Amino acid sequence: SAAEVNPTVSAAAAKASYYEMEFDHPFTDVGYRYEEAVSFLYNFEIIKGKTPTSFGTHQNLTRGDAAVILANALGLDTENAPDAGFKDLNSRVRGSVNALAELGIVAGKTADTFGTGEPLSRGAMAKFLVLGFDLEEYAEQTPFTDVGGVFAPYIEALYGSGITNGKTATSFAVGQNIT
C-alpha cells in the first residue's frame, strides 16, 4: 500500500502557534535558540532525543535519524512501506527510509546503500525538506555563492519559503553537516 501523509499530524502542526505550545522537554543540552523547535518536535512526538535527557544539539544528524524525524513529521505509514532495497538499514530506521523512498523524498548513496549512519549534509537536508513538504514552488534566487549542482533547486526553495537564511549572508554551506 502507498505511504500517505497523516492529515491529523499536518493539521495539528499547522494550527500550533508559539503561544499555544508548551515549551517543555527533558533535554538539558538545548539552549534558547532551539527551544521552540525542539519543544514543538518533542510535544508532537516527532523526536525522542539521543537519550532521555540529551537531544544531541551539537552532534551530527545522521541520514537515518533524519529519515525517522521526517517520516514522523509527515505521519507516514512506516509499517507497510515496500522494501527500497537498502542493505544498511537497521530496524529503527527501516520503515521510515522505505516510506520516504516510496514517495521519492529520499534516495540512497548507491542503489543498495542508504548511508544510514553517515552525517546528513545541509544540501541533502534541503532536498529532504523540500520534497517532504512540497516546497518546490517557492524557489527563488539566493545570495549564496556556494549553491550549485544537484541541491541548488532545493536550497532555492528553502530560501524562497523563508525557512533558511544560510550560514552567512552569502554562504549556505551546502556540504557542511547538519547538527
Protein backbone atom coordinates (compact mmCIF):
# COMPACT_ATOMS: atom_id res chain seq x y z
CA SER A 1 0.00 0.00 0.00
CA ALA A 2 1.17 3.54 -0.67
CA ALA A 3 2.51 5.60 2.21
CA GLU A 4 0.29 8.57 2.96
CA VAL A 5 0.72 11.82 4.85
CA ASN A 6 -1.27 11.81 8.08
CA PRO A 7 -3.70 14.76 7.83
CA THR A 8 -4.17 14.84 11.61
CA VAL A 9 -0.47 15.46 12.23
CA SER A 10 -0.30 18.02 9.40
CA ALA A 11 -3.36 19.88 10.66
CA ALA A 12 -2.11 19.88 14.25
CA ALA A 13 1.27 21.20 13.18
CA ALA A 14 -0.32 23.92 11.05
CA LYS A 15 -2.54 25.09 13.91
CA ALA A 16 0.15 25.12 16.59
CA SER A 17 1.48 28.53 17.38
CA TYR A 18 4.13 29.93 19.65
CA TYR A 19 1.54 30.88 22.25
CA GLU A 20 -0.34 27.57 22.18
CA MET A 21 2.72 25.34 22.57
CA GLU A 22 4.05 24.01 25.82
CA PHE A 23 7.75 24.66 25.73
CA ASP A 24 8.89 21.76 27.79
CA HIS A 25 11.10 18.76 27.16
CA PRO A 26 13.52 16.71 29.25
CA PHE A 27 16.69 17.71 27.38
CA THR A 28 19.46 19.52 29.22
CA ASP A 29 21.52 20.33 26.10
CA VAL A 30 19.00 22.60 24.33
CA GLY A 31 19.66 26.33 24.53
CA TYR A 32 17.29 29.22 23.98
CA ARG A 33 17.99 29.40 20.23
CA TYR A 34 16.49 25.93 19.67
CA GLU A 35 13.96 25.80 22.50
CA GLU A 36 10.86 26.45 20.39
CA ALA A 37 11.75 23.99 17.63
CA VAL A 38 12.82 21.18 19.96
CA SER A 39 9.76 21.64 22.18
CA PHE A 40 7.48 21.54 19.15
CA LEU A 41 9.08 18.37 17.79
CA TYR A 42 9.09 16.70 21.20
CA ASN A 43 5.50 17.62 22.10
CA PHE A 44 4.20 16.27 18.78
CA GLU A 45 6.24 13.07 19.29
CA ILE A 46 8.31 13.68 16.17
CA ILE A 47 11.60 13.31 18.05
CA LYS A 48 12.67 11.46 21.19
CA GLY A 49 16.25 12.64 21.65
CA LYS A 50 19.54 10.76 21.81
CA THR A 51 18.94 9.75 25.44
CA PRO A 52 16.14 10.56 27.90
CA THR A 53 17.92 13.82 28.84
CA SER A 54 20.06 14.62 25.77
CA PHE A 55 18.73 15.94 22.48
CA GLY A 56 22.14 15.93 20.78
CA THR A 57 22.03 19.60 19.78
CA HIS A 58 25.67 19.78 18.71
CA GLN A 59 26.03 16.26 17.31
CA ASN A 60 25.85 15.48 13.61
CA LEU A 61 22.42 14.39 12.40
CA THR A 62 22.69 11.09 10.55
CA ARG A 63 20.81 10.26 7.37
CA GLY A 64 18.93 7.54 9.27
CA ASP A 65 17.91 9.84 12.12
CA ALA A 66 16.78 12.49 9.64
CA ALA A 67 14.63 9.90 7.86
CA VAL A 68 12.96 8.89 11.13
CA ILE A 69 12.28 12.52 12.07
CA LEU A 70 10.88 13.39 8.63
CA ALA A 71 8.70 10.27 8.43
CA ASN A 72 7.33 11.05 11.90
CA ALA A 73 6.67 14.68 10.94
CA LEU A 74 4.82 13.60 7.81
CA GLY A 75 2.87 10.89 9.64
CA LEU A 76 3.90 8.25 7.11
CA ASP A 77 2.93 4.59 7.29
CA THR A 78 6.32 3.13 8.16
CA GLU A 79 4.96 -0.34 8.84
CA ASN A 80 3.70 -1.20 5.35
CA ALA A 81 6.10 0.60 3.00
CA PRO A 82 7.73 -1.68 0.42
CA ASP A 83 11.40 -2.53 0.82
CA ALA A 84 13.51 0.06 -1.02
CA GLY A 85 16.40 -2.40 -1.34
CA PHE A 86 18.89 -0.69 1.00
CA LYS A 87 21.03 -3.27 2.81
CA ASP A 88 22.34 -0.95 5.52
CA LEU A 89 19.04 -0.17 7.28
CA ASN A 90 18.62 -1.16 10.90
CA SER A 91 15.23 -1.98 12.42
CA ARG A 92 14.87 1.55 13.91
CA VAL A 93 15.12 3.37 10.56
CA ARG A 94 13.99 0.74 8.02
CA GLY A 95 10.29 1.65 7.89
CA SER A 96 10.96 5.39 7.75
CA VAL A 97 13.52 5.14 4.94
CA ASN A 98 11.33 2.75 2.97
CA ALA A 99 8.27 5.02 3.30
CA LEU A 100 10.25 8.12 2.27
CA ALA A 101 11.90 6.28 -0.64
CA GLU A 102 8.50 5.07 -1.86
CA LEU A 103 7.39 8.71 -2.14
CA GLY A 104 10.65 9.77 -3.85
CA ILE A 105 11.67 12.00 -0.94
CA VAL A 106 14.95 10.20 -0.21
CA ALA A 107 17.37 8.21 -2.31
CA GLY A 108 20.35 6.08 -1.44
CA LYS A 109 24.03 6.86 -1.66
CA THR A 110 24.10 3.89 -4.06
CA ALA A 111 21.41 1.54 -5.38
CA ASP A 112 21.62 -0.67 -2.29
CA THR A 113 23.13 1.64 0.35
CA PHE A 114 21.24 4.44 2.08
CA GLY A 115 24.11 5.66 4.25
CA THR A 116 22.13 5.26 7.46
CA GLY A 117 24.90 6.20 9.90
CA GLU A 118 26.53 8.87 7.73
CA PRO A 119 26.12 12.55 8.62
CA LEU A 120 23.50 14.43 6.62
CA SER A 121 24.75 17.45 4.69
CA ARG A 122 22.92 20.76 4.62
CA GLY A 123 22.33 20.27 0.90
CA ALA A 124 20.78 16.83 1.37
CA MET A 125 18.62 18.17 4.21
CA ALA A 126 17.33 20.86 1.88
CA LYS A 127 16.27 18.14 -0.56
CA PHE A 128 14.59 16.08 2.20
CA LEU A 129 12.60 19.08 3.44
CA VAL A 130 11.60 20.49 0.07
CA LEU A 131 10.39 17.16 -1.30
CA GLY A 132 8.82 16.16 2.03
CA PHE A 133 6.78 19.33 2.38
CA ASP A 134 6.23 20.14 -1.33
CA LEU A 135 8.09 23.45 -1.25
CA GLU A 136 9.40 23.45 -4.83
CA GLU A 137 7.13 26.30 -5.93
CA TYR A 138 8.80 28.73 -3.51
CA ALA A 139 12.19 28.64 -5.21
CA GLU A 140 13.91 31.96 -5.73
CA GLN A 141 17.45 33.02 -6.40
CA THR A 142 19.62 33.07 -3.31
CA PRO A 143 22.51 35.36 -2.38
CA PHE A 144 24.64 32.27 -1.64
CA THR A 145 27.81 31.96 -3.71
CA ASP A 146 28.28 28.28 -2.81
CA VAL A 147 24.96 26.97 -4.16
CA GLY A 148 25.06 24.91 -7.32
CA GLY A 149 24.73 21.35 -8.52
CA VAL A 150 22.08 18.85 -7.59
CA PHE A 151 20.97 20.61 -4.38
CA ALA A 152 20.59 24.12 -5.86
CA PRO A 153 16.83 23.97 -6.59
CA TYR A 154 16.11 22.63 -3.10
CA ILE A 155 18.18 25.31 -1.39
CA GLU A 156 16.45 27.95 -3.52
CA ALA A 157 13.05 26.59 -2.42
CA LEU A 158 14.03 26.64 1.27
CA TYR A 159 15.35 30.17 0.87
CA GLY A 160 12.28 31.35 -1.04
CA SER A 161 9.92 29.85 1.55
CA GLY A 162 11.75 31.71 4.34
CA ILE A 163 12.88 28.52 6.08
CA THR A 164 16.57 29.34 5.84
CA ASN A 165 18.87 32.30 5.55
CA GLY A 166 22.06 30.27 5.25
CA LYS A 167 25.12 30.07 7.49
CA THR A 168 26.15 33.60 6.49
CA ALA A 169 24.68 36.25 4.22
CA THR A 170 26.47 34.73 1.21
CA SER A 171 27.04 31.07 2.18
CA PHE A 172 24.64 28.19 2.59
CA ALA A 173 27.45 25.72 3.42
CA VAL A 174 25.96 23.03 1.18
CA GLY A 175 28.40 20.28 2.15
CA GLN A 176 28.56 21.07 5.86
CA ASN A 177 26.93 18.52 8.15
CA ILE A 178 23.62 19.25 9.88
CA THR A 179 23.67 19.20 13.68
